[in-house]
C-alpha atoms as a PDB file:
ATOM      1  CA  GLY A   1     134.260  55.882 127.792  1.00  0.00           C
ATOM      2  CA  ALA A   2     133.353  55.528 124.116  1.00  0.00           C
ATOM      3  CA  ILE A   3     132.127  51.986 124.687  1.00  0.00           C
ATOM      4  CA  LYS A   4     130.132  53.000 127.754  1.00  0.00           C
ATOM      5  CA  PHE A   5     128.444  55.907 125.968  1.00  0.00           C
ATOM      6  CA  CYS A   6     127.769  53.796 122.881  1.00  0.00           C
ATOM      7  CA  ASN A   7     126.021  51.246 125.090  1.00  0.00           C
ATOM      8  CA  LYS A   8     123.942  54.050 126.616  1.00  0.00           C
ATOM      9  CA  ALA A   9     123.067  55.335 123.142  1.00  0.00           C
ATOM     10  CA  ILE A  10     121.917  51.839 122.182  1.00  0.00           C
ATOM     11  CA  GLU A  11     119.754  51.770 125.323  1.00  0.00           C
ATOM     12  CA  GLY A  12     118.290  55.123 124.310  1.00  0.00           C
ATOM     13  CA  VAL A  13     117.372  53.869 120.847  1.00  0.00           C
ATOM     14  CA  LYS A  14     115.828  50.701 122.285  1.00  0.00           C
ATOM     15  CA  GLU A  15     113.847  52.774 124.799  1.00  0.00           C
ATOM     16  CA  LYS A  16     112.818  55.192 122.023  1.00  0.00           C
ATOM     17  CA  ASN A  17     114.444  57.916 124.147  1.00  0.00           C
ATOM     18  CA  ILE A  18     115.738  60.117 121.337  1.00  0.00           C
ATOM     19  CA  GLN A  19     117.449  62.624 123.650  1.00  0.00           C
ATOM     20  CA  LYS A  20     119.344  59.923 125.545  1.00  0.00           C
ATOM     21  CA  ALA A  21     120.467  58.353 122.278  1.00  0.00           C
ATOM     22  CA  HIS A  22     121.516  61.718 120.830  1.00  0.00           C
ATOM     23  CA  ASP A  23     123.394  62.880 123.921  1.00  0.00           C
ATOM     24  CA  ASN A  24     125.374  59.664 124.209  1.00  0.00           C
ATOM     25  CA  ILE A  25     126.162  59.444 120.497  1.00  0.00           C
ATOM     26  CA  CYS A  26     127.521  62.998 120.748  1.00  0.00           C
ATOM     27  CA  LYS A  27     129.720  61.930 123.657  1.00  0.00           C
ATOM     28  CA  VAL A  28     131.162  59.093 121.569  1.00  0.00           C
ATOM     29  CA  GLU A  29     131.693  61.483 118.651  1.00  0.00           C
ATOM     30  CA  ASN A  30     133.604  63.858 120.943  1.00  0.00           C
ATOM     31  CA  ILE A  31     135.844  61.034 122.140  1.00  0.00           C
ATOM     32  CA  ILE A  32     136.576  59.959 118.562  1.00  0.00           C
ATOM     33  CA  VAL A  33     137.392  63.553 117.601  1.00  0.00           C
ATOM     34  CA  GLU A  34     139.796  63.723 120.539  1.00  0.00           C
ATOM     35  CA  PHE A  35     141.417  60.442 119.478  1.00  0.00           C
ATOM     36  CA  GLN A  36     141.962  61.883 116.002  1.00  0.00           C
ATOM     37  CA  ALA A  37     143.309  65.158 117.344  1.00  0.00           C
ATOM     38  CA  THR A  38     145.924  63.393 119.442  1.00  0.00           C
ATOM     39  CA  LEU A  39     147.313  61.165 116.691  1.00  0.00           C
ATOM     40  CA  ASP A  40     151.035  61.654 116.140  1.00  0.00           C
ATOM     41  CA  HIS A  41     151.336  61.710 112.367  1.00  0.00           C
ATOM     42  CA  LYS A  42     155.089  61.224 112.386  1.00  0.00           C
ATOM     43  CA  TYR A  43     154.265  57.518 112.743  1.00  0.00           C
ATOM     44  CA  GLU A  44     152.874  55.645 109.744  1.00  0.00           C
ATOM     45  CA  VAL A  45     150.282  53.842 111.858  1.00  0.00           C
ATOM     46  CA  ALA A  46     148.605  57.180 112.647  1.00  0.00           C
ATOM     47  CA  LYS A  47     147.242  57.279 109.100  1.00  0.00           C
ATOM     48  CA  ASP A  48     145.565  53.910 109.639  1.00  0.00           C
ATOM     49  CA  PHE A  49     144.038  55.011 112.916  1.00  0.00           C
ATOM     50  CA  ASP A  50     142.867  58.253 111.324  1.00  0.00           C
ATOM     51  CA  ILE A  51     140.988  56.252 108.683  1.00  0.00           C
ATOM     52  CA  ILE A  52     139.404  54.030 111.334  1.00  0.00           C
ATOM     53  CA  TYR A  53     138.405  56.991 113.503  1.00  0.00           C
ATOM     54  CA  ASP A  54     136.960  58.819 110.495  1.00  0.00           C
ATOM     55  CA  TYR A  55     134.915  55.754 109.574  1.00  0.00           C
ATOM     56  CA  ILE A  56     133.579  55.404 113.116  1.00  0.00           C
ATOM     57  CA  TYR A  57     132.736  59.102 113.281  1.00  0.00           C
ATOM     58  CA  ARG A  58     130.807  58.959 110.003  1.00  0.00           C
ATOM     59  CA  LYS A  59     128.891  55.910 111.241  1.00  0.00           C
ATOM     60  CA  LEU A  60     128.040  57.770 114.443  1.00  0.00           C
ATOM     61  CA  VAL A  61     126.655  60.698 112.470  1.00  0.00           C
ATOM     62  CA  GLU A  62     124.565  58.263 110.411  1.00  0.00           C
ATOM     63  CA  ALA A  63     123.353  56.491 113.553  1.00  0.00           C
ATOM     64  CA  ASN A  64     122.432  59.799 115.166  1.00  0.00           C
ATOM     65  CA  MET A  65     120.520  61.037 112.142  1.00  0.00           C
ATOM     66  CA  HIS A  66     118.406  57.890 111.918  1.00  0.00           C
ATOM     67  CA  LYS A  67     118.678  56.547 115.484  1.00  0.00           C
ATOM     68  CA  ASP A  68     119.813  53.345 113.793  1.00  0.00           C
ATOM     69  CA  LEU A  69     120.377  50.496 116.228  1.00  0.00           C
ATOM     70  CA  GLU A  70     122.213  48.334 113.685  1.00  0.00           C
ATOM     71  CA  VAL A  71     124.737  51.063 112.915  1.00  0.00           C
ATOM     72  CA  LEU A  72     125.295  51.719 116.623  1.00  0.00           C
ATOM     73  CA  GLU A  73     125.928  48.037 117.224  1.00  0.00           C
ATOM     74  CA  GLU A  74     128.456  48.066 114.370  1.00  0.00           C
ATOM     75  CA  VAL A  75     130.193  51.056 115.972  1.00  0.00           C
ATOM     76  CA  LEU A  76     130.195  49.282 119.325  1.00  0.00           C
ATOM     77  CA  SER A  77     131.852  46.268 117.737  1.00  0.00           C
ATOM     78  CA  GLU A  78     134.516  48.488 116.133  1.00  0.00           C
ATOM     79  CA  LEU A  79     135.169  50.231 119.451  1.00  0.00           C
ATOM     80  CA  ARG A  80     135.553  46.920 121.244  1.00  0.00           C
ATOM     81  CA  ASP A  81     137.977  45.697 118.565  1.00  0.00           C
ATOM     82  CA  LEU A  82     140.039  48.869 118.975  1.00  0.00           C
ATOM     83  CA  ARG A  83     140.099  48.457 122.744  1.00  0.00           C
ATOM     84  CA  ASP A  84     141.123  44.819 122.497  1.00  0.00           C
ATOM     85  CA  ASN A  85     143.886  45.598 120.020  1.00  0.00           C
ATOM     86  CA  TRP A  86     145.222  48.369 122.261  1.00  0.00           C
ATOM     87  CA  LYS A  87     145.297  45.923 125.172  1.00  0.00           C
ATOM     88  CA  ILE A  88     147.391  43.509 123.106  1.00  0.00           C
ATOM     89  CA  ILE A  89     149.738  46.299 122.035  1.00  0.00           C
ATOM     90  CA  MET A  90     150.179  47.460 125.623  1.00  0.00           C
ATOM     91  CA  GLN A  91     150.884  43.915 126.831  1.00  0.00           C
ATOM     92  CA  LYS A  92     153.522  43.458 124.148  1.00  0.00           C
ATOM     93  CA  ALA A  93     155.055  46.823 124.937  1.00  0.00           C
ATOM     94  CA  HIS A  94     155.404  45.876 128.606  1.00  0.00           C
ATOM     95  CA  ALA A  95     156.876  42.442 127.819  1.00  0.00           C
END
């Protein structure tokens, strides 16, 4: 969902549709907040994910304030990296 909404936000910026960009950035922000809220801090790795999620959230706020395409594309890249890493983790867990 975060990747989908980030792509839509990028479309909004490219189209100069400020409302579309804003609405979709907010959706990504909400997903990131939910990711942070569900971290289980009894595991050391949760701290690392918390830092990553905080970074992404701050970049989203920056992107929303300035409707900055470059920042949104950076966020999209980070989200894709997270997704890809989770896929690898899940494959290893099932093996």
